[in-house]
Amino acid sequence: MSSTPRYRWSVLADLKKDKGDLEDDFLTLVAGGARELARVDGVELKRMHYRNGRLDLDLTLNDMGVLDPLRQALQGAGNLNASIVSAASRDGVVQGKIRITGKKP
């Protein structure tokens, strides 16, 4: 087994210590998003991008009907806001983007 994944988590932990709240936001968004994505069949995460407190998830889905329930599940995860940024279907494959942000106290 490669040590690369362990190294990446170590780097993230170091960033969290150095950056405080900024990294807490990133880790909160990733953890919340991962929990909900793992519960839904037919969804594949293609890419994620974090910037300025927003986590964008580029997804491939088996069915357009899965996108809004996924958004609702993310929204209901407690401390997350989620919105559908885009969705398109071509040749039976759905490409979607969901944006996750943290709820402000």
C-alpha atoms as a PDB file:
ATOM      1  CA  MET A   1       0.000   0.000   0.000  1.00  0.00           C
ATOM      2  CA  SER A   2       1.309   3.403  -0.944  1.00  0.00           C
ATOM      3  CA  SER A   3       2.032   6.035   1.691  1.00  0.00           C
ATOM      4  CA  THR A   4       0.750   8.776  -0.641  1.00  0.00           C
ATOM      5  CA  PRO A   5      -2.815   8.905   0.792  1.00  0.00           C
ATOM      6  CA  ARG A   6      -1.432   9.054   4.327  1.00  0.00           C
ATOM      7  CA  TYR A   7       0.894  11.862   3.247  1.00  0.00           C
ATOM      8  CA  ARG A   8      -2.023  13.822   1.759  1.00  0.00           C
ATOM      9  CA  TRP A   9      -4.036  13.563   4.976  1.00  0.00           C
ATOM     10  CA  SER A  10      -0.948  14.660   6.907  1.00  0.00           C
ATOM     11  CA  VAL A  11      -0.634  17.716   4.672  1.00  0.00           C
ATOM     12  CA  LEU A  12      -4.331  18.507   5.227  1.00  0.00           C
ATOM     13  CA  ALA A  13      -3.857  18.205   8.986  1.00  0.00           C
ATOM     14  CA  ASP A  14      -0.901  20.596   8.828  1.00  0.00           C
ATOM     15  CA  LEU A  15      -2.923  23.058   6.763  1.00  0.00           C
ATOM     16  CA  LYS A  16      -5.718  22.888   9.308  1.00  0.00           C
ATOM     17  CA  LYS A  17      -3.307  23.782  12.112  1.00  0.00           C
ATOM     18  CA  ASP A  18      -1.859  26.664  10.096  1.00  0.00           C
ATOM     19  CA  LYS A  19      -5.061  28.082   8.618  1.00  0.00           C
ATOM     20  CA  GLY A  20      -7.598  27.500  11.378  1.00  0.00           C
ATOM     21  CA  ASP A  21     -11.160  28.350  10.364  1.00  0.00           C
ATOM     22  CA  LEU A  22     -10.460  28.315   6.619  1.00  0.00           C
ATOM     23  CA  GLU A  23      -9.419  24.679   6.712  1.00  0.00           C
ATOM     24  CA  ASP A  24     -12.165  23.815   9.187  1.00  0.00           C
ATOM     25  CA  ASP A  25     -14.630  25.028   6.559  1.00  0.00           C
ATOM     26  CA  PHE A  26     -12.969  22.935   3.843  1.00  0.00           C
ATOM     27  CA  LEU A  27     -12.900  19.785   5.952  1.00  0.00           C
ATOM     28  CA  THR A  28     -16.495  20.308   7.115  1.00  0.00           C
ATOM     29  CA  LEU A  29     -17.725  20.682   3.533  1.00  0.00           C
ATOM     30  CA  VAL A  30     -15.768  17.673   2.261  1.00  0.00           C
ATOM     31  CA  ALA A  31     -16.846  15.465   5.159  1.00  0.00           C
ATOM     32  CA  GLY A  32     -20.511  16.445   4.846  1.00  0.00           C
ATOM     33  CA  GLY A  33     -20.476  16.005   1.093  1.00  0.00           C
ATOM     34  CA  ALA A  34     -18.732  12.639   1.259  1.00  0.00           C
ATOM     35  CA  ARG A  35     -21.216  11.279   3.797  1.00  0.00           C
ATOM     36  CA  GLU A  36     -24.195  12.087   1.595  1.00  0.00           C
ATOM     37  CA  LEU A  37     -22.555  11.002  -1.682  1.00  0.00           C
ATOM     38  CA  ALA A  38     -21.772   7.614  -0.156  1.00  0.00           C
ATOM     39  CA  ARG A  39     -25.469   7.061   0.579  1.00  0.00           C
ATOM     40  CA  VAL A  40     -26.669   7.568  -3.003  1.00  0.00           C
ATOM     41  CA  ASP A  41     -26.396   4.906  -5.705  1.00  0.00           C
ATOM     42  CA  GLY A  42     -25.643   5.899  -9.269  1.00  0.00           C
ATOM     43  CA  VAL A  43     -23.515   8.965  -8.479  1.00  0.00           C
ATOM     44  CA  GLU A  44     -19.852   9.314  -9.343  1.00  0.00           C
ATOM     45  CA  LEU A  45     -17.721  12.223  -8.172  1.00  0.00           C
ATOM     46  CA  LYS A  46     -15.605  13.393 -11.099  1.00  0.00           C
ATOM     47  CA  ARG A  47     -13.989  16.476  -9.593  1.00  0.00           C
ATOM     48  CA  MET A  48     -14.255  18.808  -6.653  1.00  0.00           C
ATOM     49  CA  HIS A  49     -13.070  22.364  -6.390  1.00  0.00           C
ATOM     50  CA  TYR A  50     -12.838  24.488  -3.231  1.00  0.00           C
ATOM     51  CA  ARG A  51     -12.584  28.247  -3.271  1.00  0.00           C
ATOM     52  CA  ASN A  52     -13.706  31.048  -0.974  1.00  0.00           C
ATOM     53  CA  GLY A  53     -15.780  28.829   1.289  1.00  0.00           C
ATOM     54  CA  ARG A  54     -17.529  26.993  -1.577  1.00  0.00           C
ATOM     55  CA  LEU A  55     -17.075  23.381  -2.569  1.00  0.00           C
ATOM     56  CA  ASP A  56     -18.203  22.545  -6.117  1.00  0.00           C
ATOM     57  CA  LEU A  57     -18.826  18.884  -6.915  1.00  0.00           C
ATOM     58  CA  ASP A  58     -18.801  17.800 -10.571  1.00  0.00           C
ATOM     59  CA  LEU A  59     -20.850  14.624 -10.767  1.00  0.00           C
ATOM     60  CA  THR A  60     -21.892  11.958 -13.248  1.00  0.00           C
ATOM     61  CA  LEU A  61     -25.282  10.442 -12.462  1.00  0.00           C
ATOM     62  CA  ASN A  62     -27.284   7.547 -13.856  1.00  0.00           C
ATOM     63  CA  ASP A  63     -30.517   9.501 -13.643  1.00  0.00           C
ATOM     64  CA  MET A  64     -31.448  13.207 -13.584  1.00  0.00           C
ATOM     65  CA  GLY A  65     -33.968  12.371 -10.846  1.00  0.00           C
ATOM     66  CA  VAL A  66     -31.161  11.686  -8.367  1.00  0.00           C
ATOM     67  CA  LEU A  67     -29.740  15.210  -8.462  1.00  0.00           C
ATOM     68  CA  ASP A  68     -32.378  17.108  -6.482  1.00  0.00           C
ATOM     69  CA  PRO A  69     -32.765  14.444  -3.756  1.00  0.00           C
ATOM     70  CA  LEU A  70     -28.966  14.534  -3.380  1.00  0.00           C
ATOM     71  CA  ARG A  71     -29.094  18.322  -3.033  1.00  0.00           C
ATOM     72  CA  GLN A  72     -31.846  17.980  -0.432  1.00  0.00           C
ATOM     73  CA  ALA A  73     -29.827  15.382   1.498  1.00  0.00           C
ATOM     74  CA  LEU A  74     -26.796  17.682   1.500  1.00  0.00           C
ATOM     75  CA  GLN A  75     -28.979  20.592   2.589  1.00  0.00           C
ATOM     76  CA  GLY A  76     -30.431  18.495   5.388  1.00  0.00           C
ATOM     77  CA  ALA A  77     -27.002  17.433   6.640  1.00  0.00           C
ATOM     78  CA  GLY A  78     -27.195  20.077   9.355  1.00  0.00           C
ATOM     79  CA  ASN A  79     -24.558  22.690   8.722  1.00  0.00           C
ATOM     80  CA  LEU A  80     -24.566  22.745   4.909  1.00  0.00           C
ATOM     81  CA  ASN A  81     -26.289  24.726   2.172  1.00  0.00           C
ATOM     82  CA  ALA A  82     -26.439  23.082  -1.250  1.00  0.00           C
ATOM     83  CA  SER A  83     -27.561  24.270  -4.657  1.00  0.00           C
ATOM     84  CA  ILE A  84     -27.625  22.788  -8.134  1.00  0.00           C
ATOM     85  CA  VAL A  85     -25.380  24.905 -10.341  1.00  0.00           C
ATOM     86  CA  SER A  86     -25.892  22.980 -13.572  1.00  0.00           C
ATOM     87  CA  ALA A  87     -27.315  19.773 -14.990  1.00  0.00           C
ATOM     88  CA  ALA A  88     -27.306  18.355 -18.494  1.00  0.00           C
ATOM     89  CA  SER A  89     -28.129  14.985 -19.997  1.00  0.00           C
ATOM     90  CA  ARG A  90     -26.498  13.610 -23.105  1.00  0.00           C
ATOM     91  CA  ASP A  91     -26.511  10.067 -24.456  1.00  0.00           C
ATOM     92  CA  GLY A  92     -28.112   8.744 -21.269  1.00  0.00           C
ATOM     93  CA  VAL A  93     -25.473  10.232 -18.969  1.00  0.00           C
ATOM     94  CA  VAL A  94     -26.229  13.123 -16.628  1.00  0.00           C
ATOM     95  CA  GLN A  95     -23.520  15.651 -15.784  1.00  0.00           C
ATOM     96  CA  GLY A  96     -24.316  17.823 -12.787  1.00  0.00           C
ATOM     97  CA  LYS A  97     -22.648  20.325 -10.534  1.00  0.00           C
ATOM     98  CA  ILE A  98     -23.652  20.921  -6.934  1.00  0.00           C
ATOM     99  CA  ARG A  99     -22.258  23.756  -4.827  1.00  0.00           C
ATOM    100  CA  ILE A 100     -21.939  23.259  -1.060  1.00  0.00           C
ATOM    101  CA  THR A 101     -21.363  26.048   1.422  1.00  0.00           C
ATOM    102  CA  GLY A 102     -21.468  26.165   5.184  1.00  0.00           C
ATOM    103  CA  LYS A 103     -24.432  27.683   6.963  1.00  0.00           C
ATOM    104  CA  LYS A 104     -23.570  30.898   8.733  1.00  0.00           C
ATOM    105  CA  PRO A 105     -24.420  31.022  12.444  1.00  0.00           C
END
